Amino acid sequence: MEISRPNQAELTTEEQQELEKLRAIIEQASVDGVITQGERERIALAMRSDGKVTLEELELVRTLITEKVSKGELVLDYL
């Protein structure tokens, strides 16, 4: 399902860099197929580093973590 956000402003260069940094952290954490408590905390810290959590960050987590967990491709080792 595609979500339309017609009133949303384009990401700034800084926001794009933050998003790419978060992507790299998530990909590094999930390379072994398991997200540990420490990795989860590192991801959460990266998301909150600028004092806000954006829709793009949440979408990235959904795509790179939640969907893989639901497909059995990734395990959360902190539940």
Protein backbone atom coordinates (compact mmCIF):
# COMPACT_ATOMS: atom_id res chain seq x y z
CA MET A 1 0.00 0.00 0.00
CA GLU A 2 1.45 3.33 -1.02
CA ILE A 3 0.89 6.28 1.28
CA SER A 4 0.63 9.74 -0.22
CA ARG A 5 1.82 12.77 1.75
CA PRO A 6 1.08 15.72 -0.54
CA ASN A 7 1.83 18.40 2.08
CA GLN A 8 5.15 16.94 3.18
CA ALA A 9 8.21 19.04 2.41
CA GLU A 10 11.23 17.59 0.64
CA LEU A 11 13.98 16.30 2.90
CA THR A 12 16.88 18.65 3.49
CA THR A 13 20.41 17.53 2.69
CA GLU A 14 21.03 17.06 6.41
CA GLU A 15 17.87 14.94 6.79
CA GLN A 16 18.89 12.82 3.79
CA GLN A 17 22.32 12.26 5.36
CA GLU A 18 20.71 11.27 8.68
CA LEU A 19 18.46 8.82 6.84
CA GLU A 20 21.40 7.25 5.01
CA LYS A 21 23.31 6.97 8.29
CA LEU A 22 20.31 5.20 9.85
CA ARG A 23 20.08 2.87 6.83
CA ALA A 24 23.76 1.95 7.24
CA ILE A 25 23.30 1.28 10.97
CA ILE A 26 20.28 -0.95 10.34
CA GLU A 27 21.98 -2.84 7.52
CA GLN A 28 25.10 -3.39 9.63
CA ALA A 29 23.00 -4.59 12.58
CA SER A 30 21.00 -7.03 10.47
CA VAL A 31 23.83 -8.53 8.41
CA ASP A 32 23.98 -11.61 10.68
CA GLY A 33 20.20 -12.09 10.63
CA VAL A 34 19.75 -11.08 14.28
CA ILE A 35 19.03 -7.71 15.91
CA THR A 36 20.31 -7.67 19.49
CA GLN A 37 19.26 -5.36 22.33
CA GLY A 38 22.42 -3.30 21.85
CA GLU A 39 21.78 -2.95 18.12
CA ARG A 40 18.17 -1.98 18.76
CA GLU A 41 19.34 0.72 21.17
CA ARG A 42 21.87 2.00 18.62
CA ILE A 43 19.14 2.21 15.96
CA ALA A 44 16.76 4.01 18.35
CA LEU A 45 19.50 6.44 19.38
CA ALA A 46 20.26 7.22 15.74
CA MET A 47 16.57 7.85 15.07
CA ARG A 48 16.33 10.29 18.00
CA SER A 49 19.70 11.98 17.48
CA ASP A 50 18.14 15.12 16.01
CA GLY A 51 15.34 15.30 18.58
CA LYS A 52 12.62 13.97 16.29
CA VAL A 53 11.60 10.76 14.57
CA THR A 54 10.49 11.29 10.98
CA LEU A 55 8.06 9.33 8.87
CA GLU A 56 10.95 8.42 6.58
CA GLU A 57 12.87 6.91 9.50
CA LEU A 58 9.84 4.89 10.56
CA GLU A 59 9.34 3.70 6.98
CA LEU A 60 12.98 2.65 6.82
CA VAL A 61 12.62 0.61 10.01
CA ARG A 62 9.44 -0.97 8.65
CA THR A 63 11.12 -1.91 5.39
CA LEU A 64 14.51 -3.03 6.70
CA ILE A 65 13.45 -4.64 9.98
CA THR A 66 9.73 -5.26 10.47
CA GLU A 67 9.06 -6.76 7.04
CA LYS A 68 12.12 -9.01 7.27
CA VAL A 69 11.07 -10.21 10.73
CA SER A 70 7.59 -11.06 9.44
CA LYS A 71 9.13 -13.04 6.54
CA GLY A 72 11.45 -14.92 8.91
CA GLU A 73 14.55 -13.33 7.37
CA LEU A 74 15.51 -11.50 10.57
CA VAL A 75 15.22 -12.34 14.28
CA LEU A 76 14.80 -9.87 17.14
CA ASP A 77 16.94 -11.16 20.00
CA TYR A 78 15.61 -8.77 22.63
CA LEU A 79 11.97 -9.73 23.07
